[in-house]
Amino acid sequence: SVQSPQPTGTEATPERSLKELIAEDVPQLETPALDDSKRVALLRQWAYENTDWSTPSAILDDDPAFGFYERDAPELFSAFRDDRGGVLCGGTAYAFMRLCQLYGYHALTLDMGVPGGPTHVVTLVRLRHGGRDVWSVQDPTFDVTYLHRDGAPLDYLDLLRALRDRHQDRVLVKKGRGRSRDYIVAPDDAESIRATLS
């Protein structure tokens, strides 16, 4: 009888391949002393640089055939690498959430704004800092996070309290140094963009 080989733990899997790709791009992630806040910031910057944006006709998370919200991080970032389409803030936050989960972090997306009106979607990532859990607001759309003035990660509820109490001076908006991302223009949208730019 033919037996299947037993896994050795070194087989190529989509998850391993994505992590290897990220490790090549961001070797600092392998630093053992790196705390959660810095590690997630590096992942956010990588996601910002590697998530495609697009015109309306090429929005990947609107394509039912692709099933964006059923995909894991390796599948999503493979689609971005292959220029299959782009996303806006909701798709960006979801892709980053899945990436954080791949690295073992608890993460979720938060859609905020006016019900039925304009909204913006960010990712909340649970970090360990100073002996406690912090739900850190990570915005991979703009490569931004929010910190205490001393640079410590700011918990989402602390951020809301500071804003409610008009203490925005206690909040530091930290922008990453991510390079530009790809912007996919669908053929159907090219003419309207050309007219807008003229």
N, C-alpha and C. Protein backbone atom coordinates (compact mmCIF):
# COMPACT_ATOMS: atom_id res chain seq x y z
N SER A 1 0.84 -1.19 0.00
CA SER A 1 0.00 0.00 0.00
C SER A 1 0.88 1.24 0.00
N VAL A 2 0.33 2.32 -0.59
CA VAL A 2 1.04 3.59 -0.66
C VAL A 2 0.63 4.43 0.53
N GLN A 3 1.62 4.96 1.24
CA GLN A 3 1.33 5.81 2.39
C GLN A 3 1.68 7.26 2.06
N SER A 4 0.87 8.15 2.55
CA SER A 4 1.16 9.57 2.37
C SER A 4 2.32 9.95 3.28
N PRO A 5 3.19 10.82 2.80
CA PRO A 5 4.28 11.28 3.67
C PRO A 5 3.73 12.06 4.86
N GLN A 6 4.35 11.90 5.98
CA GLN A 6 3.95 12.61 7.18
C GLN A 6 4.50 14.03 7.14
N PRO A 7 3.71 15.03 7.57
CA PRO A 7 4.20 16.40 7.56
C PRO A 7 5.41 16.57 8.47
N THR A 8 6.35 17.36 8.03
CA THR A 8 7.56 17.62 8.82
C THR A 8 7.54 19.00 9.44
N GLY A 9 6.54 19.81 9.08
CA GLY A 9 6.48 21.16 9.60
C GLY A 9 7.21 22.17 8.73
N THR A 10 7.84 21.71 7.66
CA THR A 10 8.57 22.64 6.79
C THR A 10 7.96 22.74 5.41
N GLU A 11 6.80 22.11 5.21
CA GLU A 11 6.16 22.16 3.89
C GLU A 11 5.74 23.58 3.56
N ALA A 12 5.75 23.89 2.28
CA ALA A 12 5.28 25.20 1.84
C ALA A 12 3.76 25.24 1.95
N THR A 13 3.26 26.21 2.65
CA THR A 13 1.83 26.44 2.74
C THR A 13 1.61 27.90 2.36
N PRO A 14 0.40 28.26 1.97
CA PRO A 14 0.16 29.68 1.66
C PRO A 14 0.50 30.60 2.82
N GLU A 15 0.19 30.16 4.06
CA GLU A 15 0.47 30.98 5.23
C GLU A 15 1.97 31.19 5.40
N ARG A 16 2.74 30.09 5.27
CA ARG A 16 4.19 30.18 5.40
C ARG A 16 4.77 31.05 4.30
N SER A 17 4.28 30.88 3.08
CA SER A 17 4.79 31.67 1.96
C SER A 17 4.55 33.16 2.18
N LEU A 18 3.36 33.54 2.66
CA LEU A 18 3.09 34.95 2.92
C LEU A 18 3.99 35.46 4.03
N LYS A 19 4.15 34.70 5.10
CA LYS A 19 5.02 35.12 6.19
C LYS A 19 6.47 35.24 5.71
N GLU A 20 6.90 34.34 4.84
CA GLU A 20 8.26 34.43 4.30
C GLU A 20 8.42 35.69 3.45
N LEU A 21 7.42 35.99 2.64
CA LEU A 21 7.45 37.20 1.82
C LEU A 21 7.54 38.45 2.71
N ILE A 22 6.73 38.49 3.74
CA ILE A 22 6.73 39.63 4.65
C ILE A 22 8.07 39.72 5.38
N ALA A 23 8.63 38.58 5.80
CA ALA A 23 9.92 38.57 6.50
C ALA A 23 11.03 39.12 5.60
N GLU A 24 10.94 38.85 4.31
CA GLU A 24 11.93 39.42 3.38
C GLU A 24 11.77 40.93 3.28
N ASP A 25 10.53 41.39 3.22
CA ASP A 25 10.25 42.83 3.11
C ASP A 25 10.51 43.58 4.41
N VAL A 26 10.24 42.92 5.54
CA VAL A 26 10.32 43.57 6.86
C VAL A 26 11.12 42.67 7.81
N PRO A 27 12.44 42.60 7.64
CA PRO A 27 13.24 41.69 8.48
C PRO A 27 13.18 42.03 9.98
N GLN A 28 12.82 43.27 10.33
CA GLN A 28 12.72 43.66 11.74
C GLN A 28 11.67 42.84 12.48
N LEU A 29 10.70 42.27 11.75
CA LEU A 29 9.67 41.46 12.41
C LEU A 29 10.26 40.25 13.13
N GLU A 30 11.43 39.82 12.72
CA GLU A 30 12.06 38.65 13.32
C GLU A 30 12.81 38.98 14.60
N THR A 31 12.86 40.26 14.99
CA THR A 31 13.56 40.68 16.19
C THR A 31 12.82 40.15 17.42
N PRO A 32 13.47 39.27 18.22
CA PRO A 32 12.76 38.66 19.36
C PRO A 32 12.25 39.67 20.40
N ALA A 33 12.96 40.76 20.61
CA ALA A 33 12.58 41.71 21.66
C ALA A 33 11.53 42.71 21.20
N LEU A 34 11.03 42.58 19.99
CA LEU A 34 10.04 43.52 19.46
C LEU A 34 8.72 43.36 20.21
N ASP A 35 8.19 44.46 20.74
CA ASP A 35 6.91 44.36 21.46
C ASP A 35 5.75 44.34 20.48
N ASP A 36 4.57 43.99 20.98
CA ASP A 36 3.37 43.87 20.14
C ASP A 36 3.08 45.16 19.37
N SER A 37 3.20 46.30 20.04
CA SER A 37 2.87 47.57 19.41
C SER A 37 3.75 47.82 18.18
N LYS A 38 5.03 47.60 18.31
CA LYS A 38 5.95 47.82 17.19
C LYS A 38 5.76 46.76 16.10
N ARG A 39 5.51 45.52 16.50
CA ARG A 39 5.30 44.45 15.53
C ARG A 39 4.04 44.73 14.69
N VAL A 40 2.96 45.12 15.36
CA VAL A 40 1.71 45.41 14.64
C VAL A 40 1.89 46.65 13.76
N ALA A 41 2.65 47.63 14.21
CA ALA A 41 2.91 48.82 13.38
C ALA A 41 3.66 48.42 12.10
N LEU A 42 4.62 47.52 12.20
CA LEU A 42 5.34 47.05 11.01
C LEU A 42 4.41 46.28 10.08
N LEU A 43 3.54 45.45 10.65
CA LEU A 43 2.57 44.72 9.83
C LEU A 43 1.60 45.68 9.16
N ARG A 44 1.17 46.72 9.89
CA ARG A 44 0.24 47.71 9.31
C ARG A 44 0.90 48.44 8.15
N GLN A 45 2.16 48.82 8.33
CA GLN A 45 2.86 49.51 7.25
C GLN A 45 3.00 48.60 6.03
N TRP A 46 3.32 47.32 6.26
CA TRP A 46 3.43 46.38 5.14
C TRP A 46 2.08 46.24 4.44
N ALA A 47 1.00 46.11 5.23
CA ALA A 47 -0.34 45.96 4.64
C ALA A 47 -0.71 47.21 3.84
N TYR A 48 -0.40 48.38 4.38
CA TYR A 48 -0.67 49.64 3.67
C TYR A 48 0.01 49.64 2.29
N GLU A 49 1.24 49.20 2.26
CA GLU A 49 2.01 49.21 1.01
C GLU A 49 1.58 48.11 0.04
N ASN A 50 0.95 47.07 0.53
CA ASN A 50 0.65 45.90 -0.29
C ASN A 50 -0.83 45.63 -0.51
N THR A 51 -1.67 46.59 -0.16
CA THR A 51 -3.10 46.50 -0.41
C THR A 51 -3.43 47.46 -1.55
N ASP A 52 -3.94 46.94 -2.64
CA ASP A 52 -4.27 47.78 -3.79
C ASP A 52 -5.58 48.53 -3.57
N TRP A 53 -5.61 49.76 -4.05
CA TRP A 53 -6.84 50.54 -4.13
C TRP A 53 -7.27 50.55 -5.57
N SER A 54 -8.53 50.88 -5.82
CA SER A 54 -8.99 50.87 -7.21
C SER A 54 -10.17 51.79 -7.44
N THR A 55 -10.46 51.97 -8.71
CA THR A 55 -11.66 52.70 -9.12
C THR A 55 -12.87 51.80 -8.87
N PRO A 56 -14.08 52.35 -8.88
CA PRO A 56 -15.28 51.59 -8.51
C PRO A 56 -15.49 50.27 -9.27
N SER A 57 -15.17 50.21 -10.53
CA SER A 57 -15.42 48.98 -11.30
C SER A 57 -14.45 47.85 -10.98
N ALA A 58 -13.40 48.14 -10.23
CA ALA A 58 -12.41 47.10 -9.92
C ALA A 58 -12.33 46.80 -8.43
N ILE A 59 -13.38 47.13 -7.68
CA ILE A 59 -13.40 46.87 -6.24
C ILE A 59 -13.55 45.36 -6.01
N LEU A 60 -12.51 44.77 -5.45
CA LEU A 60 -12.46 43.32 -5.29
C LEU A 60 -13.46 42.81 -4.26
N ASP A 61 -13.69 43.57 -3.19
CA ASP A 61 -14.62 43.08 -2.17
C ASP A 61 -16.08 43.23 -2.58
N ASP A 62 -16.35 43.86 -3.73
CA ASP A 62 -17.71 43.90 -4.29
C ASP A 62 -17.96 42.77 -5.29
N ASP A 63 -16.94 41.99 -5.59
CA ASP A 63 -17.04 40.93 -6.59
C ASP A 63 -17.51 39.63 -5.92
N PRO A 64 -18.80 39.26 -6.08
CA PRO A 64 -19.31 38.06 -5.41
C PRO A 64 -18.58 36.79 -5.85
N ALA A 65 -18.08 36.76 -7.07
CA ALA A 65 -17.37 35.57 -7.55
C ALA A 65 -16.07 35.35 -6.79
N PHE A 66 -15.46 36.42 -6.30
CA PHE A 66 -14.21 36.29 -5.56
C PHE A 66 -14.44 35.90 -4.10
N GLY A 67 -15.52 36.35 -3.50
CA GLY A 67 -15.82 36.01 -2.10
C GLY A 67 -14.79 36.58 -1.14
N PHE A 68 -14.52 37.87 -1.25
CA PHE A 68 -13.47 38.55 -0.48
C PHE A 68 -13.54 38.25 1.01
N TYR A 69 -14.73 38.35 1.59
CA TYR A 69 -14.86 38.24 3.04
C TYR A 69 -14.87 36.80 3.55
N GLU A 70 -14.67 35.85 2.66
CA GLU A 70 -14.48 34.45 3.08
C GLU A 70 -13.01 34.04 2.92
N ARG A 71 -12.17 34.94 2.49
CA ARG A 71 -10.77 34.63 2.19
C ARG A 71 -9.87 34.90 3.39
N ASP A 72 -8.74 34.17 3.42
CA ASP A 72 -7.75 34.41 4.47
C ASP A 72 -6.67 35.35 3.94
N ALA A 73 -5.73 35.72 4.80
CA ALA A 73 -4.70 36.69 4.43
C ALA A 73 -3.87 36.25 3.22
N PRO A 74 -3.39 35.01 3.16
CA PRO A 74 -2.60 34.62 1.98
C PRO A 74 -3.38 34.78 0.67
N GLU A 75 -4.66 34.42 0.68
CA GLU A 75 -5.47 34.56 -0.54
C GLU A 75 -5.69 36.03 -0.90
N LEU A 76 -5.94 36.86 0.09
CA LEU A 76 -6.20 38.28 -0.18
C LEU A 76 -4.96 38.98 -0.72
N PHE A 77 -3.83 38.78 -0.06
CA PHE A 77 -2.63 39.48 -0.51
C PHE A 77 -2.07 38.89 -1.81
N SER A 78 -2.38 37.64 -2.08
CA SER A 78 -2.04 37.08 -3.39
C SER A 78 -2.85 37.77 -4.48
N ALA A 79 -4.13 38.02 -4.21
CA ALA A 79 -4.98 38.72 -5.19
C ALA A 79 -4.47 40.14 -5.43
N PHE A 80 -4.01 40.81 -4.36
CA PHE A 80 -3.46 42.15 -4.54
C PHE A 80 -2.16 42.10 -5.35
N ARG A 81 -1.30 41.13 -5.05
CA ARG A 81 -0.05 40.99 -5.82
C ARG A 81 -0.32 40.74 -7.30
N ASP A 82 -1.41 40.00 -7.57
CA ASP A 82 -1.76 39.68 -8.96
C ASP A 82 -2.62 40.77 -9.61
N ASP A 83 -2.85 41.88 -8.91
CA ASP A 83 -3.66 43.00 -9.41
C ASP A 83 -5.06 42.56 -9.87
N ARG A 84 -5.68 41.66 -9.09
CA ARG A 84 -7.04 41.18 -9.43
C ARG A 84 -8.09 42.23 -9.13
N GLY A 85 -7.74 43.23 -8.36
CA GLY A 85 -8.67 44.29 -8.00
C GLY A 85 -8.16 45.00 -6.77
N GLY A 86 -8.88 46.03 -6.37
CA GLY A 86 -8.50 46.79 -5.21
C GLY A 86 -9.66 46.91 -4.23
N VAL A 87 -9.45 47.68 -3.20
CA VAL A 87 -10.44 47.84 -2.15
C VAL A 87 -10.45 49.30 -1.69
N LEU A 88 -11.40 49.62 -0.84
CA LEU A 88 -11.41 50.89 -0.13
C LEU A 88 -11.16 50.58 1.35
N CYS A 89 -11.60 51.45 2.24
CA CYS A 89 -11.23 51.27 3.65
C CYS A 89 -11.75 49.97 4.27
N GLY A 90 -12.97 49.54 3.91
CA GLY A 90 -13.51 48.31 4.49
C GLY A 90 -12.70 47.09 4.12
N GLY A 91 -12.34 46.97 2.86
CA GLY A 91 -11.52 45.85 2.41
C GLY A 91 -10.11 45.91 2.96
N THR A 92 -9.57 47.14 3.08
CA THR A 92 -8.23 47.31 3.64
C THR A 92 -8.21 46.87 5.10
N ALA A 93 -9.21 47.31 5.87
CA ALA A 93 -9.29 46.94 7.29
C ALA A 93 -9.48 45.44 7.45
N TYR A 94 -10.29 44.83 6.58
CA TYR A 94 -10.52 43.39 6.66
C TYR A 94 -9.25 42.61 6.32
N ALA A 95 -8.56 43.00 5.26
CA ALA A 95 -7.32 42.31 4.88
C ALA A 95 -6.29 42.41 6.00
N PHE A 96 -6.20 43.59 6.62
CA PHE A 96 -5.24 43.75 7.73
C PHE A 96 -5.67 42.93 8.94
N MET A 97 -6.97 42.87 9.21
CA MET A 97 -7.46 42.02 10.31
C MET A 97 -7.02 40.58 10.09
N ARG A 98 -7.21 40.07 8.87
CA ARG A 98 -6.83 38.69 8.56
C ARG A 98 -5.31 38.50 8.67
N LEU A 99 -4.54 39.52 8.30
CA LEU A 99 -3.09 39.43 8.44
C LEU A 99 -2.69 39.36 9.91
N CYS A 100 -3.30 40.19 10.74
CA CYS A 100 -3.02 40.15 12.18
C CYS A 100 -3.37 38.79 12.76
N GLN A 101 -4.49 38.23 12.34
CA GLN A 101 -4.89 36.90 12.81
C GLN A 101 -3.88 35.84 12.40
N LEU A 102 -3.32 35.97 11.20
CA LEU A 102 -2.29 35.04 10.74
C LEU A 102 -1.08 35.06 11.67
N TYR A 103 -0.80 36.22 12.25
CA TYR A 103 0.33 36.37 13.17
C TYR A 103 -0.07 36.12 14.63
N GLY A 104 -1.29 35.63 14.86
CA GLY A 104 -1.71 35.24 16.20
C GLY A 104 -2.37 36.31 17.03
N TYR A 105 -2.67 37.45 16.45
CA TYR A 105 -3.34 38.52 17.19
C TYR A 105 -4.85 38.41 17.03
N HIS A 106 -5.56 38.76 18.09
CA HIS A 106 -7.01 38.90 18.00
C HIS A 106 -7.27 40.26 17.35
N ALA A 107 -8.11 40.26 16.34
CA ALA A 107 -8.37 41.50 15.62
C ALA A 107 -9.79 41.47 15.08
N LEU A 108 -10.35 42.66 14.89
CA LEU A 108 -11.67 42.80 14.30
C LEU A 108 -11.74 44.14 13.58
N THR A 109 -12.76 44.30 12.76
CA THR A 109 -12.93 45.58 12.07
C THR A 109 -14.01 46.38 12.77
N LEU A 110 -13.88 47.70 12.67
CA LEU A 110 -14.84 48.62 13.28
C LEU A 110 -15.23 49.64 12.23
N ASP A 111 -16.52 49.66 11.91
CA ASP A 111 -17.07 50.61 10.94
C ASP A 111 -17.68 51.75 11.75
N MET A 112 -17.18 52.96 11.54
CA MET A 112 -17.66 54.09 12.33
C MET A 112 -18.07 55.23 11.42
N GLY A 113 -19.02 56.00 11.86
CA GLY A 113 -19.51 57.13 11.09
C GLY A 113 -20.99 57.31 11.29
N VAL A 114 -21.60 57.95 10.33
CA VAL A 114 -23.03 58.25 10.39
C VAL A 114 -23.81 57.08 9.79
N PRO A 115 -24.74 56.46 10.55
CA PRO A 115 -25.52 55.37 9.97
C PRO A 115 -26.23 55.80 8.69
N GLY A 116 -26.03 55.03 7.63
CA GLY A 116 -26.63 55.36 6.35
C GLY A 116 -25.88 56.44 5.59
N GLY A 117 -24.82 56.96 6.19
CA GLY A 117 -24.04 58.02 5.55
C GLY A 117 -22.58 57.61 5.44
N PRO A 118 -21.71 58.60 5.35
CA PRO A 118 -20.28 58.29 5.21
C PRO A 118 -19.74 57.58 6.46
N THR A 119 -18.93 56.58 6.22
CA THR A 119 -18.29 55.85 7.31
C THR A 119 -16.83 55.63 6.96
N HIS A 120 -16.08 55.14 7.94
CA HIS A 120 -14.70 54.74 7.73
C HIS A 120 -14.48 53.48 8.55
N VAL A 121 -13.73 52.53 8.01
CA VAL A 121 -13.50 51.26 8.69
C VAL A 121 -12.03 51.17 9.08
N VAL A 122 -11.80 50.80 10.34
CA VAL A 122 -10.45 50.59 10.87
C VAL A 122 -10.37 49.18 11.45
N THR A 123 -9.20 48.82 11.89
CA THR A 123 -8.98 47.51 12.51
C THR A 123 -8.62 47.72 13.97
N LEU A 124 -9.26 46.98 14.85
CA LEU A 124 -8.88 46.95 16.27
C LEU A 124 -8.05 45.69 16.48
N VAL A 125 -6.88 45.85 17.08
CA VAL A 125 -5.97 44.73 17.31
C VAL A 125 -5.66 44.67 18.80
N ARG A 126 -5.84 43.50 19.39
CA ARG A 126 -5.55 43.35 20.83
C ARG A 126 -4.06 43.12 21.00
N LEU A 127 -3.44 44.06 21.71
CA LEU A 127 -2.01 44.01 22.01
C LEU A 127 -1.80 43.79 23.49
N ARG A 128 -0.67 43.29 23.83
CA ARG A 128 -0.28 43.17 25.24
C ARG A 128 0.70 44.30 25.51
N HIS A 129 0.40 45.16 26.48
CA HIS A 129 1.31 46.26 26.80
C HIS A 129 1.20 46.59 28.29
N GLY A 130 2.33 46.66 28.96
CA GLY A 130 2.35 47.02 30.38
C GLY A 130 1.54 46.08 31.23
N GLY A 131 1.51 44.79 30.86
CA GLY A 131 0.80 43.80 31.65
C GLY A 131 -0.70 43.77 31.45
N ARG A 132 -1.20 44.49 30.46
CA ARG A 132 -2.65 44.46 30.22
C ARG A 132 -2.93 44.39 28.72
N ASP A 133 -4.15 43.98 28.39
CA ASP A 133 -4.58 43.96 27.00
C ASP A 133 -5.05 45.36 26.60
N VAL A 134 -4.68 45.76 25.40
CA VAL A 134 -5.06 47.05 24.84
C VAL A 134 -5.65 46.78 23.46
N TRP A 135 -6.87 47.26 23.21
CA TRP A 135 -7.45 47.18 21.87
C TRP A 135 -7.01 48.43 21.12
N SER A 136 -5.98 48.26 20.32
CA SER A 136 -5.35 49.36 19.61
C SER A 136 -6.03 49.63 18.27
N VAL A 137 -6.34 50.90 18.00
CA VAL A 137 -6.94 51.29 16.72
C VAL A 137 -5.81 51.37 15.69
N GLN A 138 -5.93 50.56 14.65
CA GLN A 138 -4.96 50.55 13.56
C GLN A 138 -5.72 50.90 12.28
N ASP A 139 -5.24 51.90 11.57
CA ASP A 139 -5.89 52.32 10.34
C ASP A 139 -4.97 52.03 9.16
N PRO A 140 -5.08 50.84 8.57
CA PRO A 140 -4.20 50.49 7.46
C PRO A 140 -4.51 51.25 6.18
N THR A 141 -5.67 51.90 6.10
CA THR A 141 -6.00 52.70 4.93
C THR A 141 -5.05 53.88 4.81
N PHE A 142 -4.74 54.51 5.93
CA PHE A 142 -3.87 55.69 5.94
C PHE A 142 -2.55 55.43 6.67
N ASP A 143 -2.30 54.18 7.08
CA ASP A 143 -1.08 53.80 7.81
C ASP A 143 -0.91 54.64 9.07
N VAL A 144 -1.96 54.61 9.91
CA VAL A 144 -2.02 55.45 11.11
C VAL A 144 -2.44 54.60 12.30
N THR A 145 -1.93 54.98 13.49
CA THR A 145 -2.45 54.46 14.75
C THR A 145 -2.53 55.61 15.73
N TYR A 146 -3.12 55.36 16.89
CA TYR A 146 -3.31 56.39 17.91
C TYR A 146 -2.61 55.93 19.18
N LEU A 147 -1.81 56.84 19.76
CA LEU A 147 -1.00 56.51 20.93
C LEU A 147 -1.25 57.53 22.04
N HIS A 148 -0.84 57.13 23.27
CA HIS A 148 -0.76 58.11 24.35
C HIS A 148 0.37 59.07 24.01
N ARG A 149 0.38 60.23 24.60
CA ARG A 149 1.44 61.22 24.32
C ARG A 149 2.83 60.66 24.60
N ASP A 150 2.92 59.68 25.51
CA ASP A 150 4.24 59.09 25.82
C ASP A 150 4.63 58.00 24.82
N GLY A 151 3.79 57.74 23.81
CA GLY A 151 4.11 56.75 22.79
C GLY A 151 3.57 55.35 23.06
N ALA A 152 2.93 55.15 24.22
CA ALA A 152 2.34 53.84 24.54
C ALA A 152 1.06 53.66 23.73
N PRO A 153 0.73 52.41 23.38
CA PRO A 153 -0.51 52.19 22.62
C PRO A 153 -1.73 52.65 23.42
N LEU A 154 -2.66 53.25 22.72
CA LEU A 154 -3.87 53.80 23.32
C LEU A 154 -5.03 52.84 23.08
N ASP A 155 -5.69 52.44 24.15
CA ASP A 155 -6.84 51.55 24.04
C ASP A 155 -8.00 52.31 23.39
N TYR A 156 -8.77 51.59 22.60
CA TYR A 156 -9.92 52.17 21.88
C TYR A 156 -10.85 52.93 22.83
N LEU A 157 -11.18 52.33 23.97
CA LEU A 157 -12.10 53.00 24.91
C LEU A 157 -11.47 54.25 25.51
N ASP A 158 -10.15 54.23 25.76
CA ASP A 158 -9.45 55.42 26.25
C ASP A 158 -9.46 56.52 25.19
N LEU A 159 -9.33 56.13 23.92
CA LEU A 159 -9.41 57.09 22.82
C LEU A 159 -10.79 57.75 22.80
N LEU A 160 -11.83 56.94 22.91
CA LEU A 160 -13.20 57.50 22.92
C LEU A 160 -13.40 58.45 24.09
N ARG A 161 -12.90 58.06 25.28
CA ARG A 161 -13.06 58.92 26.46
C ARG A 161 -12.32 60.25 26.27
N ALA A 162 -11.11 60.18 25.73
CA ALA A 162 -10.34 61.41 25.51
C ALA A 162 -11.06 62.34 24.54
N LEU A 163 -11.63 61.77 23.48
CA LEU A 163 -12.34 62.59 22.51
C LEU A 163 -13.64 63.14 23.10
N ARG A 164 -14.36 62.29 23.84
CA ARG A 164 -15.62 62.73 24.47
C ARG A 164 -15.36 63.89 25.43
N ASP A 165 -14.27 63.79 26.19
CA ASP A 165 -13.95 64.80 27.20
C ASP A 165 -13.15 65.97 26.62
N ARG A 166 -13.02 66.00 25.30
CA ARG A 166 -12.30 67.06 24.59
C ARG A 166 -10.83 67.18 25.02
N HIS A 167 -10.21 66.01 25.23
CA HIS A 167 -8.79 65.96 25.59
C HIS A 167 -7.98 65.37 24.43
N GLN A 168 -8.27 65.82 23.21
CA GLN A 168 -7.55 65.32 22.05
C GLN A 168 -6.06 65.60 22.16
N ASP A 169 -5.67 66.56 23.00
CA ASP A 169 -4.25 66.85 23.20
C ASP A 169 -3.52 65.67 23.87
N ARG A 170 -4.26 64.73 24.43
CA ARG A 170 -3.66 63.54 25.06
C ARG A 170 -3.43 62.41 24.05
N VAL A 171 -3.86 62.64 22.81
CA VAL A 171 -3.80 61.60 21.78
C VAL A 171 -2.74 61.98 20.74
N LEU A 172 -1.86 61.05 20.47
CA LEU A 172 -0.85 61.24 19.44
C LEU A 172 -1.24 60.41 18.22
N VAL A 173 -1.38 61.06 17.08
CA VAL A 173 -1.67 60.35 15.83
C VAL A 173 -0.33 60.01 15.20
N LYS A 174 -0.06 58.71 15.09
CA LYS A 174 1.24 58.24 14.59
C LYS A 174 1.08 57.70 13.18
N LYS A 175 1.67 58.39 12.23
CA LYS A 175 1.63 57.98 10.82
C LYS A 175 2.86 57.15 10.53
N GLY A 176 2.64 56.02 9.84
CA GLY A 176 3.76 55.20 9.42
C GLY A 176 4.50 55.85 8.25
N ARG A 177 5.53 55.17 7.81
CA ARG A 177 6.32 55.71 6.71
C ARG A 177 6.15 54.88 5.45
N GLY A 178 4.98 54.31 5.30
CA GLY A 178 4.72 53.45 4.16
C GLY A 178 4.85 54.18 2.83
N ARG A 179 5.36 53.45 1.84
CA ARG A 179 5.47 54.02 0.49
C ARG A 179 4.12 53.93 -0.20
N SER A 180 4.01 54.54 -1.35
CA SER A 180 2.75 54.55 -2.08
C SER A 180 2.30 53.15 -2.43
N ARG A 181 0.99 52.99 -2.56
CA ARG A 181 0.41 51.70 -2.94
C ARG A 181 -0.04 51.78 -4.39
N ASP A 182 -0.36 50.62 -4.94
CA ASP A 182 -0.90 50.56 -6.30
C ASP A 182 -2.34 51.06 -6.31
N TYR A 183 -2.70 51.71 -7.40
CA TYR A 183 -4.07 52.14 -7.62
C TYR A 183 -4.50 51.58 -8.97
N ILE A 184 -5.46 50.68 -8.95
CA ILE A 184 -5.91 50.00 -10.17
C ILE A 184 -7.06 50.79 -10.79
N VAL A 185 -6.90 51.14 -12.06
CA VAL A 185 -7.94 51.84 -12.80
C VAL A 185 -8.58 50.84 -13.76
N ALA A 186 -9.86 50.56 -13.55
CA ALA A 186 -10.58 49.64 -14.43
C ALA A 186 -10.83 50.33 -15.76
N PRO A 187 -10.79 49.57 -16.87
CA PRO A 187 -11.01 50.18 -18.19
C PRO A 187 -12.33 50.96 -18.26
N ASP A 188 -13.38 50.47 -17.62
CA ASP A 188 -14.67 51.16 -17.64
C ASP A 188 -14.63 52.51 -16.93
N ASP A 189 -13.67 52.68 -16.04
CA ASP A 189 -13.59 53.91 -15.26
C ASP A 189 -12.58 54.90 -15.82
N ALA A 190 -11.75 54.48 -16.75
CA ALA A 190 -10.65 55.31 -17.24
C ALA A 190 -11.15 56.61 -17.87
N GLU A 191 -12.21 56.54 -18.65
CA GLU A 191 -12.70 57.73 -19.35
C GLU A 191 -13.21 58.78 -18.36
N SER A 192 -13.95 58.33 -17.34
CA SER A 192 -14.47 59.31 -16.37
C SER A 192 -13.34 59.94 -15.57
N ILE A 193 -12.28 59.18 -15.29
CA ILE A 193 -11.14 59.75 -14.57
C ILE A 193 -10.42 60.75 -15.47
N ARG A 194 -10.23 60.40 -16.71
CA ARG A 194 -9.57 61.30 -17.66
C ARG A 194 -10.34 62.63 -17.74
N ALA A 195 -11.67 62.55 -17.79
CA ALA A 195 -12.49 63.77 -17.87
C ALA A 195 -12.36 64.60 -16.59
N THR A 196 -12.29 63.93 -15.45
CA THR A 196 -12.14 64.62 -14.17
C THR A 196 -10.81 65.33 -14.07
N LEU A 197 -9.75 64.69 -14.57
CA LEU A 197 -8.41 65.27 -14.48
C LEU A 197 -8.15 66.35 -15.51
N SER A 198 -8.98 66.40 -16.54
CA SER A 198 -8.77 67.39 -17.63
C SER A 198 -9.23 68.77 -17.24
